[in-house]
């Protein structure tokens, strides 16, 4: 029986591993090959684009609720200082927003109109279109389990 090799071995000169290490988490799964054309001067919603991708490329597209909230929701009002003591948390450790005066705020809410794409012109691969939309709307996308 031979003794196992030491885990650490000291070298007197610089050593570089000749076999590259591949980070499996960094490999982005490529979308299926699909060329898509969109030529729209006016306003186009994210919902309209996702329907077009599904119809042309035959890929299911789902927009996550947090992206919909970000793009179409209310972005809130002014920051205000709370008056009085903080109420005790509930059994889950959360303080209800209504209890600390957030729901009764009289600050006007600003509506985020970033959900629409104005003047979307694209003729090329699907991944490029998704990158363009993501950069214009400030969201991200991923292709996983056969859907976007």
C-alpha atoms as a PDB file:
ATOM      1  CA  UNK A   1       0.000   0.000   0.000  1.00  0.00           C
ATOM      2  CA  UNK A   2       1.271   3.441  -0.910  1.00  0.00           C
ATOM      3  CA  UNK A   3       0.779   6.478   1.227  1.00  0.00           C
ATOM      4  CA  UNK A   4      -1.562   9.160  -0.120  1.00  0.00           C
ATOM      5  CA  UNK A   5      -0.079  12.285  -1.694  1.00  0.00           C
ATOM      6  CA  UNK A   6       0.138  15.305   0.562  1.00  0.00           C
ATOM      7  CA  UNK A   7      -2.659  17.828   0.146  1.00  0.00           C
ATOM      8  CA  UNK A   8      -0.221  20.716   0.111  1.00  0.00           C
ATOM      9  CA  UNK A   9       3.134  20.683  -1.552  1.00  0.00           C
ATOM     10  CA  UNK A  10       5.616  23.557  -1.440  1.00  0.00           C
ATOM     11  CA  UNK A  11       7.204  24.598  -4.740  1.00  0.00           C
ATOM     12  CA  UNK A  12      10.367  26.625  -5.125  1.00  0.00           C
ATOM     13  CA  UNK A  13       9.126  28.372  -8.287  1.00  0.00           C
ATOM     14  CA  UNK A  14       5.878  29.785  -9.615  1.00  0.00           C
ATOM     15  CA  UNK A  15       3.337  27.168 -10.664  1.00  0.00           C
ATOM     16  CA  UNK A  16       0.252  27.609 -12.811  1.00  0.00           C
ATOM     17  CA  UNK A  17      -2.342  24.879 -13.123  1.00  0.00           C
ATOM     18  CA  UNK A  18      -2.316  23.702 -16.767  1.00  0.00           C
ATOM     19  CA  UNK A  19      -5.939  22.548 -16.515  1.00  0.00           C
ATOM     20  CA  UNK A  20      -8.333  25.524 -16.344  1.00  0.00           C
ATOM     21  CA  UNK A  21     -11.045  25.419 -13.714  1.00  0.00           C
ATOM     22  CA  UNK A  22     -14.534  26.107 -15.060  1.00  0.00           C
ATOM     23  CA  UNK A  23     -17.008  27.908 -12.834  1.00  0.00           C
ATOM     24  CA  UNK A  24     -20.243  26.083 -13.626  1.00  0.00           C
ATOM     25  CA  UNK A  25     -22.401  28.781 -12.023  1.00  0.00           C
ATOM     26  CA  UNK A  26     -21.003  31.462 -14.332  1.00  0.00           C
ATOM     27  CA  UNK A  27     -22.023  29.657 -17.515  1.00  0.00           C
ATOM     28  CA  UNK A  28     -25.143  31.345 -18.827  1.00  0.00           C
ATOM     29  CA  UNK A  29     -27.555  29.034 -20.554  1.00  0.00           C
ATOM     30  CA  UNK A  30     -28.087  30.202 -24.095  1.00  0.00           C
ATOM     31  CA  UNK A  31     -31.587  30.775 -25.355  1.00  0.00           C
ATOM     32  CA  UNK A  32     -32.753  28.618 -28.245  1.00  0.00           C
ATOM     33  CA  UNK A  33     -31.906  30.059 -31.668  1.00  0.00           C
ATOM     34  CA  UNK A  34     -34.729  32.401 -32.581  1.00  0.00           C
ATOM     35  CA  UNK A  35     -34.564  35.501 -34.744  1.00  0.00           C
ATOM     36  CA  UNK A  36     -37.191  38.054 -33.824  1.00  0.00           C
ATOM     37  CA  UNK A  37     -38.162  41.349 -35.441  1.00  0.00           C
ATOM     38  CA  UNK A  38     -39.929  44.183 -33.652  1.00  0.00           C
ATOM     39  CA  UNK A  39     -40.427  47.552 -35.333  1.00  0.00           C
ATOM     40  CA  UNK A  40     -42.650  49.715 -33.174  1.00  0.00           C
ATOM     41  CA  UNK A  41     -42.620  53.506 -33.094  1.00  0.00           C
ATOM     42  CA  UNK A  42     -45.136  53.971 -30.327  1.00  0.00           C
ATOM     43  CA  UNK A  43     -45.377  52.619 -26.825  1.00  0.00           C
ATOM     44  CA  UNK A  44     -45.030  48.888 -26.258  1.00  0.00           C
ATOM     45  CA  UNK A  45     -45.602  47.236 -22.883  1.00  0.00           C
ATOM     46  CA  UNK A  46     -43.533  44.435 -21.394  1.00  0.00           C
ATOM     47  CA  UNK A  47     -46.647  42.260 -21.598  1.00  0.00           C
ATOM     48  CA  UNK A  48     -46.910  42.909 -25.359  1.00  0.00           C
ATOM     49  CA  UNK A  49     -43.247  42.011 -25.899  1.00  0.00           C
ATOM     50  CA  UNK A  50     -43.546  38.810 -23.858  1.00  0.00           C
ATOM     51  CA  UNK A  51     -46.611  37.769 -25.887  1.00  0.00           C
ATOM     52  CA  UNK A  52     -44.706  38.388 -29.131  1.00  0.00           C
ATOM     53  CA  UNK A  53     -41.727  36.322 -27.943  1.00  0.00           C
ATOM     54  CA  UNK A  54     -44.056  33.464 -26.989  1.00  0.00           C
ATOM     55  CA  UNK A  55     -45.827  33.588 -30.350  1.00  0.00           C
ATOM     56  CA  UNK A  56     -42.720  33.924 -32.574  1.00  0.00           C
ATOM     57  CA  UNK A  57     -40.183  31.794 -30.662  1.00  0.00           C
ATOM     58  CA  UNK A  58     -42.668  29.373 -29.072  1.00  0.00           C
ATOM     59  CA  UNK A  59     -41.118  29.895 -25.652  1.00  0.00           C
ATOM     60  CA  UNK A  60     -43.209  30.562 -22.563  1.00  0.00           C
ATOM     61  CA  UNK A  61     -42.367  33.927 -21.017  1.00  0.00           C
ATOM     62  CA  UNK A  62     -43.290  34.827 -17.461  1.00  0.00           C
ATOM     63  CA  UNK A  63     -42.665  38.184 -15.837  1.00  0.00           C
ATOM     64  CA  UNK A  64     -42.014  37.914 -12.109  1.00  0.00           C
ATOM     65  CA  UNK A  65     -44.300  39.785  -9.711  1.00  0.00           C
ATOM     66  CA  UNK A  66     -41.426  41.874  -8.343  1.00  0.00           C
ATOM     67  CA  UNK A  67     -40.608  43.130 -11.855  1.00  0.00           C
ATOM     68  CA  UNK A  68     -44.261  44.001 -12.457  1.00  0.00           C
ATOM     69  CA  UNK A  69     -44.404  45.847  -9.144  1.00  0.00           C
ATOM     70  CA  UNK A  70     -41.246  47.756  -9.970  1.00  0.00           C
ATOM     71  CA  UNK A  71     -42.366  48.691 -13.462  1.00  0.00           C
ATOM     72  CA  UNK A  72     -46.039  49.392 -12.974  1.00  0.00           C
ATOM     73  CA  UNK A  73     -46.459  50.042  -9.311  1.00  0.00           C
ATOM     74  CA  UNK A  74     -46.376  53.073  -7.129  1.00  0.00           C
ATOM     75  CA  UNK A  75     -42.927  54.221  -6.180  1.00  0.00           C
ATOM     76  CA  UNK A  76     -43.933  55.898  -2.941  1.00  0.00           C
ATOM     77  CA  UNK A  77     -43.945  59.397  -1.568  1.00  0.00           C
ATOM     78  CA  UNK A  78     -41.628  61.490   0.520  1.00  0.00           C
ATOM     79  CA  UNK A  79     -39.567  60.182   3.401  1.00  0.00           C
ATOM     80  CA  UNK A  80     -41.037  61.262   6.725  1.00  0.00           C
ATOM     81  CA  UNK A  81     -39.865  61.009  10.294  1.00  0.00           C
ATOM     82  CA  UNK A  82     -42.066  58.867  12.523  1.00  0.00           C
ATOM     83  CA  UNK A  83     -43.594  60.482  15.579  1.00  0.00           C
ATOM     84  CA  UNK A  84     -43.983  58.531  18.786  1.00  0.00           C
ATOM     85  CA  UNK A  85     -42.890  55.063  19.813  1.00  0.00           C
ATOM     86  CA  UNK A  86     -42.534  52.100  17.496  1.00  0.00           C
ATOM     87  CA  UNK A  87     -45.374  49.617  18.104  1.00  0.00           C
ATOM     88  CA  UNK A  88     -44.488  46.070  19.216  1.00  0.00           C
ATOM     89  CA  UNK A  89     -43.970  43.497  16.447  1.00  0.00           C
ATOM     90  CA  UNK A  90     -46.438  40.707  15.726  1.00  0.00           C
ATOM     91  CA  UNK A  91     -45.709  36.998  16.294  1.00  0.00           C
ATOM     92  CA  UNK A  92     -43.532  36.879  13.167  1.00  0.00           C
ATOM     93  CA  UNK A  93     -41.413  39.787  14.364  1.00  0.00           C
ATOM     94  CA  UNK A  94     -42.776  42.241  11.785  1.00  0.00           C
ATOM     95  CA  UNK A  95     -44.186  45.653  12.566  1.00  0.00           C
ATOM     96  CA  UNK A  96     -47.286  46.363  10.433  1.00  0.00           C
ATOM     97  CA  UNK A  97     -46.771  49.411   8.194  1.00  0.00           C
ATOM     98  CA  UNK A  98     -50.196  50.765   9.103  1.00  0.00           C
ATOM     99  CA  UNK A  99     -49.170  50.699  12.759  1.00  0.00           C
ATOM    100  CA  UNK A 100     -46.230  53.006  12.175  1.00  0.00           C
ATOM    101  CA  UNK A 101     -48.157  55.528  10.138  1.00  0.00           C
ATOM    102  CA  UNK A 102     -47.062  54.531   6.641  1.00  0.00           C
ATOM    103  CA  UNK A 103     -50.530  53.719   5.316  1.00  0.00           C
ATOM    104  CA  UNK A 104     -51.980  57.047   6.372  1.00  0.00           C
ATOM    105  CA  UNK A 105     -49.257  59.077   4.711  1.00  0.00           C
ATOM    106  CA  UNK A 106     -50.613  62.081   2.859  1.00  0.00           C
ATOM    107  CA  UNK A 107     -47.600  62.361   0.568  1.00  0.00           C
ATOM    108  CA  UNK A 108     -48.512  62.151  -3.096  1.00  0.00           C
ATOM    109  CA  UNK A 109     -47.420  58.947  -4.762  1.00  0.00           C
ATOM    110  CA  UNK A 110     -45.284  59.104  -7.870  1.00  0.00           C
ATOM    111  CA  UNK A 111     -46.354  56.704 -10.569  1.00  0.00           C
ATOM    112  CA  UNK A 112     -43.551  54.879 -12.326  1.00  0.00           C
ATOM    113  CA  UNK A 113     -44.147  54.932 -16.083  1.00  0.00           C
ATOM    114  CA  UNK A 114     -41.069  52.887 -16.951  1.00  0.00           C
ATOM    115  CA  UNK A 115     -43.072  49.783 -17.920  1.00  0.00           C
ATOM    116  CA  UNK A 116     -43.493  50.935 -21.513  1.00  0.00           C
ATOM    117  CA  UNK A 117     -40.866  50.809 -24.212  1.00  0.00           C
ATOM    118  CA  UNK A 118     -41.048  53.711 -26.642  1.00  0.00           C
ATOM    119  CA  UNK A 119     -39.637  53.110 -30.092  1.00  0.00           C
ATOM    120  CA  UNK A 120     -38.509  49.494 -29.926  1.00  0.00           C
ATOM    121  CA  UNK A 121     -36.665  48.449 -33.070  1.00  0.00           C
ATOM    122  CA  UNK A 122     -35.003  45.029 -33.133  1.00  0.00           C
ATOM    123  CA  UNK A 123     -34.061  42.486 -35.777  1.00  0.00           C
ATOM    124  CA  UNK A 124     -31.779  39.767 -34.482  1.00  0.00           C
ATOM    125  CA  UNK A 125     -31.349  37.002 -31.930  1.00  0.00           C
ATOM    126  CA  UNK A 126     -33.731  36.687 -28.995  1.00  0.00           C
ATOM    127  CA  UNK A 127     -30.966  37.008 -26.380  1.00  0.00           C
ATOM    128  CA  UNK A 128     -30.001  40.425 -27.763  1.00  0.00           C
ATOM    129  CA  UNK A 129     -33.601  41.636 -27.595  1.00  0.00           C
ATOM    130  CA  UNK A 130     -33.904  40.433 -24.005  1.00  0.00           C
ATOM    131  CA  UNK A 131     -30.650  42.215 -23.089  1.00  0.00           C
ATOM    132  CA  UNK A 132     -31.905  45.429 -24.721  1.00  0.00           C
ATOM    133  CA  UNK A 133     -35.249  45.319 -22.903  1.00  0.00           C
ATOM    134  CA  UNK A 134     -33.578  44.479 -19.592  1.00  0.00           C
ATOM    135  CA  UNK A 135     -31.185  47.415 -19.870  1.00  0.00           C
ATOM    136  CA  UNK A 136     -33.934  49.862 -20.850  1.00  0.00           C
ATOM    137  CA  UNK A 137     -36.289  48.818 -18.048  1.00  0.00           C
ATOM    138  CA  UNK A 138     -33.721  48.104 -15.339  1.00  0.00           C
ATOM    139  CA  UNK A 139     -34.667  44.455 -14.887  1.00  0.00           C
ATOM    140  CA  UNK A 140     -32.953  41.144 -15.660  1.00  0.00           C
ATOM    141  CA  UNK A 141     -33.892  37.946 -17.455  1.00  0.00           C
ATOM    142  CA  UNK A 142     -32.966  34.276 -17.344  1.00  0.00           C
ATOM    143  CA  UNK A 143     -33.637  31.206 -19.456  1.00  0.00           C
ATOM    144  CA  UNK A 144     -34.343  28.210 -17.275  1.00  0.00           C
ATOM    145  CA  UNK A 145     -36.218  24.931 -17.745  1.00  0.00           C
ATOM    146  CA  UNK A 146     -37.307  25.869 -21.258  1.00  0.00           C
ATOM    147  CA  UNK A 147     -38.854  29.213 -20.362  1.00  0.00           C
ATOM    148  CA  UNK A 148     -37.844  32.842 -20.021  1.00  0.00           C
END
